[in-house]
């Protein structure tokens, strides 16, 4: 959703049939559909959560507001957009290769039922990387659009799991940031799942999926923590 998507059109190939013409694969670049919206008196850049298919057709993620815990005058399906800020937080807090995350963002939401936590004037849509719950998309209703305004990592104070972790440990936002447990890359690099005491703590807080997400290491960006498990 930063530079665009490449689509390989293989309809002009002879794979599996008698060769009649030269095999040709057409590569198309589709730029993200961007726009802007004024929120709290500031203009924000937003990007449609969509995917292009052959012939330039765009499949757009849409939700009935009521399906994600929001109230609207008319409950028609509304398109989902993601704010540039949220996209940056998604990349920063997961530390995974952006092409994997951005493609999965569409597939995890398109015509899929989602779990959500209702909030005050917003909703937290659960976001999973494959089968691993890693956080929430903080989403609000703005006229005829649903806007994901930020990505909250699972340990964030504004999530149910983050609040539970704070109750168990007394750690506040800045403590979590200092320890690095506000991003997935710390969990995979520390190998926290190998420590019995820490594993028990995070499971009790509802963050056990972050320990299982060690299997995402194959698509993780390079990261070396400045502390070890014993320090944590």
C-alpha atoms as a PDB file:
ATOM      1  CA  UNK A   1       0.000   0.000   0.000  1.00  0.00           C
ATOM      2  CA  UNK A   2       3.016   2.302  -0.270  1.00  0.00           C
ATOM      3  CA  UNK A   3       4.187   2.123  -3.883  1.00  0.00           C
ATOM      4  CA  UNK A   4       1.664  -0.121  -5.553  1.00  0.00           C
ATOM      5  CA  UNK A   5       0.941  -3.731  -6.465  1.00  0.00           C
ATOM      6  CA  UNK A   6       2.329  -5.786  -9.335  1.00  0.00           C
ATOM      7  CA  UNK A   7      -0.146  -8.118 -10.989  1.00  0.00           C
ATOM      8  CA  UNK A   8       0.895 -10.907 -13.366  1.00  0.00           C
ATOM      9  CA  UNK A   9      -1.692 -11.544 -16.076  1.00  0.00           C
ATOM     10  CA  UNK A  10      -1.128 -15.108 -17.323  1.00  0.00           C
ATOM     11  CA  UNK A  11      -4.226 -15.397 -19.504  1.00  0.00           C
ATOM     12  CA  UNK A  12      -2.105 -15.248 -22.692  1.00  0.00           C
ATOM     13  CA  UNK A  13      -0.017 -18.308 -21.825  1.00  0.00           C
ATOM     14  CA  UNK A  14      -0.292 -21.857 -23.155  1.00  0.00           C
ATOM     15  CA  UNK A  15       0.467 -23.669 -19.930  1.00  0.00           C
ATOM     16  CA  UNK A  16      -1.198 -27.089 -20.009  1.00  0.00           C
ATOM     17  CA  UNK A  17      -2.373 -26.882 -23.645  1.00  0.00           C
ATOM     18  CA  UNK A  18      -0.833 -27.391 -27.085  1.00  0.00           C
ATOM     19  CA  UNK A  19       1.422 -24.465 -27.855  1.00  0.00           C
ATOM     20  CA  UNK A  20      -0.204 -22.226 -30.431  1.00  0.00           C
ATOM     21  CA  UNK A  21       1.322 -18.827 -29.742  1.00  0.00           C
ATOM     22  CA  UNK A  22       4.239 -17.492 -27.776  1.00  0.00           C
ATOM     23  CA  UNK A  23       3.720 -17.536 -24.026  1.00  0.00           C
ATOM     24  CA  UNK A  24       3.325 -13.990 -22.759  1.00  0.00           C
ATOM     25  CA  UNK A  25       2.874 -12.759 -19.193  1.00  0.00           C
ATOM     26  CA  UNK A  26       1.766  -9.148 -18.836  1.00  0.00           C
ATOM     27  CA  UNK A  27       2.894  -7.321 -15.700  1.00  0.00           C
ATOM     28  CA  UNK A  28       0.733  -4.419 -14.535  1.00  0.00           C
ATOM     29  CA  UNK A  29       1.508  -1.911 -11.800  1.00  0.00           C
ATOM     30  CA  UNK A  30      -1.527  -0.701  -9.879  1.00  0.00           C
ATOM     31  CA  UNK A  31      -1.006   2.347  -7.700  1.00  0.00           C
ATOM     32  CA  UNK A  32      -2.732   2.559  -4.311  1.00  0.00           C
ATOM     33  CA  UNK A  33      -6.040   4.419  -4.286  1.00  0.00           C
ATOM     34  CA  UNK A  34      -5.359   7.359  -2.000  1.00  0.00           C
ATOM     35  CA  UNK A  35      -7.384  10.267  -0.720  1.00  0.00           C
ATOM     36  CA  UNK A  36      -7.606  12.623   2.210  1.00  0.00           C
ATOM     37  CA  UNK A  37     -10.031  13.314   5.012  1.00  0.00           C
ATOM     38  CA  UNK A  38     -10.214  15.956   7.728  1.00  0.00           C
ATOM     39  CA  UNK A  39     -10.114  14.484  11.240  1.00  0.00           C
ATOM     40  CA  UNK A  40      -9.852  16.750  14.284  1.00  0.00           C
ATOM     41  CA  UNK A  41      -9.289  19.754  11.996  1.00  0.00           C
ATOM     42  CA  UNK A  42      -6.291  18.135  10.301  1.00  0.00           C
ATOM     43  CA  UNK A  43      -6.082  16.673   6.812  1.00  0.00           C
ATOM     44  CA  UNK A  44      -5.058  12.999   6.887  1.00  0.00           C
ATOM     45  CA  UNK A  45      -3.938  10.808   4.015  1.00  0.00           C
ATOM     46  CA  UNK A  46      -5.976   7.619   3.644  1.00  0.00           C
ATOM     47  CA  UNK A  47      -5.523   4.551   1.452  1.00  0.00           C
ATOM     48  CA  UNK A  48      -8.260   2.193   0.236  1.00  0.00           C
ATOM     49  CA  UNK A  49      -7.863  -1.339   1.598  1.00  0.00           C
ATOM     50  CA  UNK A  50      -8.329  -3.057  -1.747  1.00  0.00           C
ATOM     51  CA  UNK A  51      -6.756  -5.442  -4.220  1.00  0.00           C
ATOM     52  CA  UNK A  52      -6.611  -5.359  -8.005  1.00  0.00           C
ATOM     53  CA  UNK A  53      -7.580  -8.340 -10.150  1.00  0.00           C
ATOM     54  CA  UNK A  54      -7.391  -8.826 -13.950  1.00  0.00           C
ATOM     55  CA  UNK A  55      -8.707  -6.062 -16.196  1.00  0.00           C
ATOM     56  CA  UNK A  56      -8.053  -3.484 -13.508  1.00  0.00           C
ATOM     57  CA  UNK A  57     -11.036  -4.382 -11.334  1.00  0.00           C
ATOM     58  CA  UNK A  58     -10.605  -3.329  -7.705  1.00  0.00           C
ATOM     59  CA  UNK A  59     -11.939  -5.500  -4.885  1.00  0.00           C
ATOM     60  CA  UNK A  60     -12.689  -3.243  -1.920  1.00  0.00           C
ATOM     61  CA  UNK A  61     -12.947  -4.275   1.742  1.00  0.00           C
ATOM     62  CA  UNK A  62     -16.346  -3.184   3.083  1.00  0.00           C
ATOM     63  CA  UNK A  63     -18.241  -3.689   6.329  1.00  0.00           C
ATOM     64  CA  UNK A  64     -21.716  -2.948   7.606  1.00  0.00           C
ATOM     65  CA  UNK A  65     -20.998  -0.585  10.541  1.00  0.00           C
ATOM     66  CA  UNK A  66     -23.126  -2.786  12.806  1.00  0.00           C
ATOM     67  CA  UNK A  67     -20.936  -5.797  11.944  1.00  0.00           C
ATOM     68  CA  UNK A  68     -18.000  -4.138  13.707  1.00  0.00           C
ATOM     69  CA  UNK A  69     -19.882  -2.504  16.568  1.00  0.00           C
ATOM     70  CA  UNK A  70     -20.461   0.963  15.083  1.00  0.00           C
ATOM     71  CA  UNK A  71     -23.744   2.814  14.727  1.00  0.00           C
ATOM     72  CA  UNK A  72     -24.746   4.603  11.523  1.00  0.00           C
ATOM     73  CA  UNK A  73     -27.954   6.234  10.325  1.00  0.00           C
ATOM     74  CA  UNK A  74     -28.033   3.808   7.384  1.00  0.00           C
ATOM     75  CA  UNK A  75     -26.329   0.443   7.890  1.00  0.00           C
ATOM     76  CA  UNK A  76     -25.105  -0.014   4.316  1.00  0.00           C
ATOM     77  CA  UNK A  77     -21.678  -1.592   3.614  1.00  0.00           C
ATOM     78  CA  UNK A  78     -19.006   1.109   3.762  1.00  0.00           C
ATOM     79  CA  UNK A  79     -15.494   0.993   2.255  1.00  0.00           C
ATOM     80  CA  UNK A  80     -12.549   0.584   4.607  1.00  0.00           C
ATOM     81  CA  UNK A  81      -9.578   2.939   4.349  1.00  0.00           C
ATOM     82  CA  UNK A  82      -6.384   2.904   6.362  1.00  0.00           C
ATOM     83  CA  UNK A  83      -4.720   6.098   7.479  1.00  0.00           C
ATOM     84  CA  UNK A  84      -1.047   6.500   6.521  1.00  0.00           C
ATOM     85  CA  UNK A  85      -0.240   6.795  10.233  1.00  0.00           C
ATOM     86  CA  UNK A  86      -1.831   3.384  10.888  1.00  0.00           C
ATOM     87  CA  UNK A  87       0.129   1.804   8.052  1.00  0.00           C
ATOM     88  CA  UNK A  88       3.364   3.158   9.513  1.00  0.00           C
ATOM     89  CA  UNK A  89       2.493   1.811  12.972  1.00  0.00           C
ATOM     90  CA  UNK A  90       1.607  -1.577  11.452  1.00  0.00           C
ATOM     91  CA  UNK A  91       5.031  -1.870   9.820  1.00  0.00           C
ATOM     92  CA  UNK A  92       6.901  -0.471  12.819  1.00  0.00           C
ATOM     93  CA  UNK A  93       5.220  -2.572  15.522  1.00  0.00           C
ATOM     94  CA  UNK A  94       5.248  -5.875  13.641  1.00  0.00           C
ATOM     95  CA  UNK A  95       8.709  -5.574  12.092  1.00  0.00           C
ATOM     96  CA  UNK A  96       7.728  -7.947   9.284  1.00  0.00           C
ATOM     97  CA  UNK A  97       8.310  -7.601   5.561  1.00  0.00           C
ATOM     98  CA  UNK A  98       5.806  -4.996   4.386  1.00  0.00           C
ATOM     99  CA  UNK A  99       4.746  -6.839   1.222  1.00  0.00           C
ATOM    100  CA  UNK A 100       3.577  -9.813   3.307  1.00  0.00           C
ATOM    101  CA  UNK A 101       1.778  -7.646   5.860  1.00  0.00           C
ATOM    102  CA  UNK A 102       0.041  -5.388   3.334  1.00  0.00           C
ATOM    103  CA  UNK A 103      -1.193  -8.291   1.181  1.00  0.00           C
ATOM    104  CA  UNK A 104      -2.409 -10.143   4.272  1.00  0.00           C
ATOM    105  CA  UNK A 105      -4.226  -7.024   5.489  1.00  0.00           C
ATOM    106  CA  UNK A 106      -6.583  -7.273   2.524  1.00  0.00           C
ATOM    107  CA  UNK A 107      -7.125 -11.035   2.652  1.00  0.00           C
ATOM    108  CA  UNK A 108      -7.752 -11.039   6.415  1.00  0.00           C
ATOM    109  CA  UNK A 109     -10.603  -8.534   6.033  1.00  0.00           C
ATOM    110  CA  UNK A 110     -12.137  -9.078   2.579  1.00  0.00           C
ATOM    111  CA  UNK A 111     -15.516 -10.806   2.960  1.00  0.00           C
ATOM    112  CA  UNK A 112     -14.327 -12.298   6.248  1.00  0.00           C
ATOM    113  CA  UNK A 113     -16.067 -12.212   9.640  1.00  0.00           C
ATOM    114  CA  UNK A 114     -13.965 -10.335  12.157  1.00  0.00           C
ATOM    115  CA  UNK A 115     -13.750 -10.106  15.931  1.00  0.00           C
ATOM    116  CA  UNK A 116     -13.907  -6.657  17.463  1.00  0.00           C
ATOM    117  CA  UNK A 117     -13.914  -4.832  20.781  1.00  0.00           C
ATOM    118  CA  UNK A 118     -16.327  -1.851  20.929  1.00  0.00           C
ATOM    119  CA  UNK A 119     -14.873   1.394  22.214  1.00  0.00           C
ATOM    120  CA  UNK A 120     -15.941   4.973  22.882  1.00  0.00           C
ATOM    121  CA  UNK A 121     -16.821   6.258  19.408  1.00  0.00           C
ATOM    122  CA  UNK A 122     -14.551   3.664  17.810  1.00  0.00           C
ATOM    123  CA  UNK A 123     -14.073  -0.057  17.426  1.00  0.00           C
ATOM    124  CA  UNK A 124     -10.985  -2.249  17.724  1.00  0.00           C
ATOM    125  CA  UNK A 125     -10.930  -4.750  14.856  1.00  0.00           C
ATOM    126  CA  UNK A 126      -8.813  -7.770  15.737  1.00  0.00           C
ATOM    127  CA  UNK A 127      -5.852  -8.180  13.384  1.00  0.00           C
ATOM    128  CA  UNK A 128      -4.185 -11.541  12.931  1.00  0.00           C
ATOM    129  CA  UNK A 129      -1.066 -12.344  10.953  1.00  0.00           C
ATOM    130  CA  UNK A 130      -2.166 -15.717   9.640  1.00  0.00           C
ATOM    131  CA  UNK A 131      -3.344 -17.557  12.788  1.00  0.00           C
ATOM    132  CA  UNK A 132      -1.513 -15.295  15.255  1.00  0.00           C
ATOM    133  CA  UNK A 133      -3.379 -12.472  16.983  1.00  0.00           C
ATOM    134  CA  UNK A 134      -0.991  -9.493  17.052  1.00  0.00           C
ATOM    135  CA  UNK A 135      -3.160  -6.444  17.715  1.00  0.00           C
ATOM    136  CA  UNK A 136      -6.083  -4.288  16.661  1.00  0.00           C
ATOM    137  CA  UNK A 137      -6.997  -1.760  13.988  1.00  0.00           C
ATOM    138  CA  UNK A 138      -8.548   1.241  15.763  1.00  0.00           C
ATOM    139  CA  UNK A 139     -11.376   2.153  13.389  1.00  0.00           C
ATOM    140  CA  UNK A 140     -13.891   4.995  13.306  1.00  0.00           C
ATOM    141  CA  UNK A 141     -16.822   6.007  11.105  1.00  0.00           C
ATOM    142  CA  UNK A 142     -16.468   9.174   9.005  1.00  0.00           C
ATOM    143  CA  UNK A 143     -19.495   9.954   6.811  1.00  0.00           C
ATOM    144  CA  UNK A 144     -19.417   7.271   4.087  1.00  0.00           C
ATOM    145  CA  UNK A 145     -16.104   5.656   5.040  1.00  0.00           C
ATOM    146  CA  UNK A 146     -14.629   3.461   7.757  1.00  0.00           C
ATOM    147  CA  UNK A 147     -11.157   4.685   8.676  1.00  0.00           C
ATOM    148  CA  UNK A 148      -8.531   2.543  10.426  1.00  0.00           C
ATOM    149  CA  UNK A 149      -6.696   5.329  12.197  1.00  0.00           C
ATOM    150  CA  UNK A 150      -4.019   3.408  14.077  1.00  0.00           C
ATOM    151  CA  UNK A 151      -2.645  -0.058  14.717  1.00  0.00           C
ATOM    152  CA  UNK A 152      -2.463  -1.043  18.373  1.00  0.00           C
ATOM    153  CA  UNK A 153       0.000  -3.816  19.195  1.00  0.00           C
ATOM    154  CA  UNK A 154      -1.459  -6.453  21.525  1.00  0.00           C
ATOM    155  CA  UNK A 155       0.444  -5.165  24.601  1.00  0.00           C
ATOM    156  CA  UNK A 156      -0.685  -1.559  24.037  1.00  0.00           C
ATOM    157  CA  UNK A 157      -2.431   0.030  27.038  1.00  0.00           C
ATOM    158  CA  UNK A 158      -5.570   0.680  24.950  1.00  0.00           C
ATOM    159  CA  UNK A 159      -6.200  -3.023  24.280  1.00  0.00           C
ATOM    160  CA  UNK A 160      -7.860  -5.511  26.693  1.00  0.00           C
ATOM    161  CA  UNK A 161      -4.660  -7.573  26.751  1.00  0.00           C
ATOM    162  CA  UNK A 162      -2.495  -4.512  27.338  1.00  0.00           C
ATOM    163  CA  UNK A 163      -4.621  -3.423  30.278  1.00  0.00           C
ATOM    164  CA  UNK A 164      -4.421  -6.925  31.748  1.00  0.00           C
ATOM    165  CA  UNK A 165      -0.630  -6.897  31.352  1.00  0.00           C
ATOM    166  CA  UNK A 166      -0.501  -3.568  33.165  1.00  0.00           C
ATOM    167  CA  UNK A 167      -2.605  -4.982  36.020  1.00  0.00           C
ATOM    168  CA  UNK A 168      -0.275  -7.964  36.367  1.00  0.00           C
ATOM    169  CA  UNK A 169       3.024  -6.080  36.145  1.00  0.00           C
ATOM    170  CA  UNK A 170       2.391  -2.395  36.840  1.00  0.00           C
ATOM    171  CA  UNK A 171       4.113  -1.558  33.546  1.00  0.00           C
ATOM    172  CA  UNK A 172       2.824   1.586  31.861  1.00  0.00           C
ATOM    173  CA  UNK A 173       3.201   2.691  28.248  1.00  0.00           C
ATOM    174  CA  UNK A 174       6.730   4.102  28.560  1.00  0.00           C
ATOM    175  CA  UNK A 175       7.922   1.014  30.482  1.00  0.00           C
ATOM    176  CA  UNK A 176       6.704  -1.244  27.691  1.00  0.00           C
ATOM    177  CA  UNK A 177       8.417   0.922  25.108  1.00  0.00           C
ATOM    178  CA  UNK A 178      11.684   0.937  27.087  1.00  0.00           C
ATOM    179  CA  UNK A 179      11.619  -2.867  27.397  1.00  0.00           C
ATOM    180  CA  UNK A 180      10.690  -3.236  23.728  1.00  0.00           C
ATOM    181  CA  UNK A 181       7.603  -5.319  24.411  1.00  0.00           C
ATOM    182  CA  UNK A 182       5.521  -2.885  22.375  1.00  0.00           C
ATOM    183  CA  UNK A 183       6.537  -4.612  19.126  1.00  0.00           C
ATOM    184  CA  UNK A 184       6.533  -8.142  17.762  1.00  0.00           C
ATOM    185  CA  UNK A 185      10.194  -8.132  16.724  1.00  0.00           C
ATOM    186  CA  UNK A 186      11.245  -8.166  20.393  1.00  0.00           C
ATOM    187  CA  UNK A 187       9.240 -11.313  21.094  1.00  0.00           C
ATOM    188  CA  UNK A 188      10.726 -13.209  18.163  1.00  0.00           C
ATOM    189  CA  UNK A 189      14.302 -11.958  18.693  1.00  0.00           C
ATOM    190  CA  UNK A 190      14.300 -12.530  22.479  1.00  0.00           C
ATOM    191  CA  UNK A 191      12.758 -15.997  22.002  1.00  0.00           C
ATOM    192  CA  UNK A 192      10.556 -15.240  24.998  1.00  0.00           C
ATOM    193  CA  UNK A 193       8.661 -18.484  24.378  1.00  0.00           C
ATOM    194  CA  UNK A 194      11.712 -20.350  25.731  1.00  0.00           C
ATOM    195  CA  UNK A 195      11.454 -18.683  29.158  1.00  0.00           C
ATOM    196  CA  UNK A 196       8.912 -20.402  31.427  1.00  0.00           C
ATOM    197  CA  UNK A 197       8.316 -17.450  33.777  1.00  0.00           C
ATOM    198  CA  UNK A 198       7.869 -14.879  31.007  1.00  0.00           C
ATOM    199  CA  UNK A 199       5.752 -17.271  28.945  1.00  0.00           C
ATOM    200  CA  UNK A 200       3.380 -17.793  31.874  1.00  0.00           C
ATOM    201  CA  UNK A 201       3.112 -14.048  32.446  1.00  0.00           C
ATOM    202  CA  UNK A 202       2.241 -13.212  28.828  1.00  0.00           C
ATOM    203  CA  UNK A 203      -0.197 -16.116  28.559  1.00  0.00           C
ATOM    204  CA  UNK A 204      -1.970 -14.909  31.719  1.00  0.00           C
ATOM    205  CA  UNK A 205      -2.294 -11.453  30.126  1.00  0.00           C
ATOM    206  CA  UNK A 206      -3.851 -12.927  26.987  1.00  0.00           C
ATOM    207  CA  UNK A 207      -0.748 -12.286  24.879  1.00  0.00           C
ATOM    208  CA  UNK A 208       0.216 -15.911  24.345  1.00  0.00           C
ATOM    209  CA  UNK A 209      -0.246 -15.598  20.580  1.00  0.00           C
ATOM    210  CA  UNK A 210       2.820 -13.326  20.472  1.00  0.00           C
ATOM    211  CA  UNK A 211       4.931 -16.208  21.750  1.00  0.00           C
ATOM    212  CA  UNK A 212       3.549 -18.594  19.129  1.00  0.00           C
ATOM    213  CA  UNK A 213       4.291 -15.976  16.445  1.00  0.00           C
ATOM    214  CA  UNK A 214       7.911 -17.125  16.478  1.00  0.00           C
ATOM    215  CA  UNK A 215       6.876 -18.965  13.316  1.00  0.00           C
ATOM    216  CA  UNK A 216       6.686 -15.574  11.551  1.00  0.00           C
ATOM    217  CA  UNK A 217      10.456 -15.221  11.836  1.00  0.00           C
ATOM    218  CA  UNK A 218      10.827 -16.230   8.169  1.00  0.00           C
ATOM    219  CA  UNK A 219       9.207 -12.947   7.086  1.00  0.00           C
ATOM    220  CA  UNK A 220      10.691 -10.783   9.860  1.00  0.00           C
ATOM    221  CA  UNK A 221      12.936  -7.839   9.131  1.00  0.00           C
ATOM    222  CA  UNK A 222      16.400  -7.998  10.664  1.00  0.00           C
ATOM    223  CA  UNK A 223      16.392  -6.920  14.310  1.00  0.00           C
ATOM    224  CA  UNK A 224      18.764  -7.436  17.230  1.00  0.00           C
ATOM    225  CA  UNK A 225      17.502  -6.544  20.725  1.00  0.00           C
ATOM    226  CA  UNK A 226      19.813  -4.616  23.078  1.00  0.00           C
ATOM    227  CA  UNK A 227      18.875  -6.769  26.070  1.00  0.00           C
ATOM    228  CA  UNK A 228      18.506 -10.479  26.816  1.00  0.00           C
ATOM    229  CA  UNK A 229      15.692 -12.483  28.393  1.00  0.00           C
ATOM    230  CA  UNK A 230      17.269 -12.392  31.865  1.00  0.00           C
ATOM    231  CA  UNK A 231      17.333  -8.576  31.795  1.00  0.00           C
ATOM    232  CA  UNK A 232      13.698  -8.491  30.762  1.00  0.00           C
END
